[in-house]
Amino acid sequence: MADRYPTMHQQQQQPVSHQVVKAATAVTAGGSLLLLSGLTVAVTVIALTLATPLLVIFSPVLVPAVITIFLLCSGFLASGGFGVAAVSVLTWIYRYVTGKQPPGADQLDQAKSKLATKAREMKDKVEQQ
């Protein structure tokens, strides 16, 4: 187990050339990543500078187009969701009516019997008065 985790003394005994290679690799990797991030920022600023006038010019067209596309997508998604809900409810009702006991049918039967019992009790109270 001691072989897997070298101690500080073992790390200091590494050859100088090995440490130089590690440092050079770290500097190269860090420098290239720093260069890439700088290039990304520069390209983003240039693209934003070029795109801003176009967005301002075309905004009277783009804003209504985006709103229209959003409303169309929302409408289609809502109608699809309502359609799936309707089919699942109709399937549940069909299974309940045919006696196949869909999930929740026992709770519905219990509620129906409680309501029927309360209705009879209220009817009896009204007839007694």
Protein backbone atom coordinates (compact mmCIF):
# COMPACT_ATOMS: atom_id res chain seq x y z
CA MET A 1 0.00 0.00 0.00
CA ALA A 2 2.93 2.31 0.65
CA ASP A 3 4.03 1.77 -2.96
CA ARG A 4 0.84 3.29 -4.35
CA TYR A 5 1.09 6.57 -2.44
CA PRO A 6 4.62 7.95 -2.58
CA THR A 7 5.73 9.99 0.37
CA MET A 8 7.22 13.45 0.13
CA HIS A 9 10.72 12.00 0.53
CA GLN A 10 10.19 9.67 -2.44
CA GLN A 11 8.90 12.51 -4.63
CA GLN A 12 11.96 14.62 -3.92
CA GLN A 13 14.24 11.81 -5.10
CA GLN A 14 12.90 12.01 -8.68
CA PRO A 15 15.50 13.03 -11.25
CA VAL A 16 15.71 16.69 -12.15
CA SER A 17 14.98 15.89 -15.81
CA HIS A 18 11.68 14.27 -14.80
CA GLN A 19 10.66 17.37 -12.86
CA VAL A 20 11.64 19.60 -15.78
CA VAL A 21 9.51 17.53 -18.16
CA LYS A 22 6.55 17.78 -15.75
CA ALA A 23 6.95 21.55 -15.49
CA ALA A 24 7.32 21.97 -19.26
CA THR A 25 4.21 19.88 -19.88
CA ALA A 26 2.22 21.89 -17.34
CA VAL A 27 3.39 25.22 -18.81
CA THR A 28 2.62 24.05 -22.36
CA ALA A 29 -0.85 22.77 -21.47
CA GLY A 30 -1.69 25.82 -19.35
CA GLY A 31 -0.38 28.25 -21.97
CA SER A 32 -2.29 26.61 -24.80
CA LEU A 33 -5.51 26.61 -22.80
CA LEU A 34 -4.96 30.26 -21.88
CA LEU A 35 -4.36 31.09 -25.55
CA LEU A 36 -7.52 29.23 -26.57
CA SER A 37 -9.60 31.06 -23.99
CA GLY A 38 -8.22 34.41 -25.16
CA LEU A 39 -9.01 33.55 -28.78
CA THR A 40 -12.52 32.50 -27.80
CA VAL A 41 -13.16 35.79 -26.02
CA ALA A 42 -11.77 37.77 -28.97
CA VAL A 43 -13.90 35.87 -31.52
CA THR A 44 -16.98 36.29 -29.31
CA VAL A 45 -16.46 40.05 -29.06
CA ILE A 46 -15.90 40.36 -32.82
CA ALA A 47 -18.96 38.24 -33.63
CA LEU A 48 -21.11 40.24 -31.22
CA THR A 49 -19.83 43.50 -32.73
CA LEU A 50 -20.74 42.32 -36.22
CA ALA A 51 -24.08 40.76 -35.26
CA THR A 52 -25.46 43.62 -33.15
CA PRO A 53 -26.27 45.96 -36.07
CA LEU A 54 -27.92 43.11 -37.95
CA LEU A 55 -30.02 42.20 -34.92
CA VAL A 56 -31.06 45.84 -34.49
CA ILE A 57 -31.96 46.16 -38.18
CA PHE A 58 -33.90 42.90 -38.33
CA SER A 59 -35.47 43.07 -34.85
CA PRO A 60 -38.86 44.26 -36.17
CA VAL A 61 -38.95 40.99 -38.12
CA LEU A 62 -37.14 38.68 -35.71
CA VAL A 63 -39.09 39.46 -32.54
CA PRO A 64 -42.55 38.71 -34.02
CA ALA A 65 -41.10 35.66 -35.78
CA VAL A 66 -39.68 34.29 -32.51
CA ILE A 67 -42.98 34.98 -30.71
CA THR A 68 -44.93 33.24 -33.49
CA ILE A 69 -42.66 30.21 -33.49
CA PHE A 70 -42.86 30.00 -29.69
CA LEU A 71 -46.67 30.14 -29.79
CA LEU A 72 -46.86 27.53 -32.54
CA CYS A 73 -44.54 25.14 -30.69
CA SER A 74 -46.39 25.70 -27.41
CA GLY A 75 -49.74 25.07 -29.09
CA PHE A 76 -48.59 21.85 -30.74
CA LEU A 77 -47.02 20.58 -27.52
CA ALA A 78 -50.13 21.45 -25.49
CA SER A 79 -52.49 19.84 -27.99
CA GLY A 80 -50.35 16.71 -28.07
CA GLY A 81 -50.27 16.55 -24.28
CA PHE A 82 -54.03 17.03 -24.03
CA GLY A 83 -54.51 14.33 -26.67
CA VAL A 84 -52.37 11.84 -24.74
CA ALA A 85 -54.23 12.70 -21.52
CA ALA A 86 -57.60 12.23 -23.22
CA VAL A 87 -56.62 8.85 -24.67
CA SER A 88 -55.32 7.65 -21.32
CA VAL A 89 -58.48 8.79 -19.51
CA LEU A 90 -60.72 7.14 -22.10
CA THR A 91 -58.68 3.93 -21.82
CA TRP A 92 -59.03 4.00 -18.03
CA ILE A 93 -62.79 4.56 -18.27
CA TYR A 94 -63.14 1.72 -20.80
CA ARG A 95 -61.22 -0.66 -18.53
CA TYR A 96 -63.30 0.41 -15.54
CA VAL A 97 -66.60 -0.04 -17.36
CA THR A 98 -65.61 -3.45 -18.73
CA GLY A 99 -64.60 -4.60 -15.20
CA LYS A 100 -60.85 -4.98 -15.76
CA GLN A 101 -60.05 -3.02 -12.54
CA PRO A 102 -57.58 -0.34 -13.67
CA PRO A 103 -55.31 1.31 -11.08
CA GLY A 104 -57.33 3.38 -8.62
CA ALA A 105 -60.64 1.63 -9.32
CA ASP A 106 -60.86 0.29 -5.76
CA GLN A 107 -60.48 3.81 -4.35
CA LEU A 108 -63.22 5.02 -6.69
CA ASP A 109 -65.50 2.20 -5.55
CA GLN A 110 -64.85 3.04 -1.88
CA ALA A 111 -65.65 6.70 -2.47
CA LYS A 112 -68.80 5.75 -4.34
CA SER A 113 -69.99 3.53 -1.49
CA LYS A 114 -69.26 6.26 1.09
CA LEU A 115 -71.23 8.77 -0.95
CA ALA A 116 -74.12 6.33 -1.34
CA THR A 117 -74.14 5.69 2.43
CA LYS A 118 -74.18 9.42 3.21
CA ALA A 119 -76.93 9.98 0.65
CA ARG A 120 -79.09 7.29 2.28
CA GLU A 121 -78.46 8.80 5.73
CA MET A 122 -79.47 12.26 4.54
CA LYS A 123 -82.55 10.85 2.81
CA ASP A 124 -83.59 9.07 6.01
CA LYS A 125 -83.11 12.29 8.04
CA VAL A 126 -85.24 14.27 5.62
CA GLU A 127 -88.02 11.65 5.62
CA GLN A 128 -88.08 11.55 9.45
CA GLN A 129 -88.63 15.28 9.76
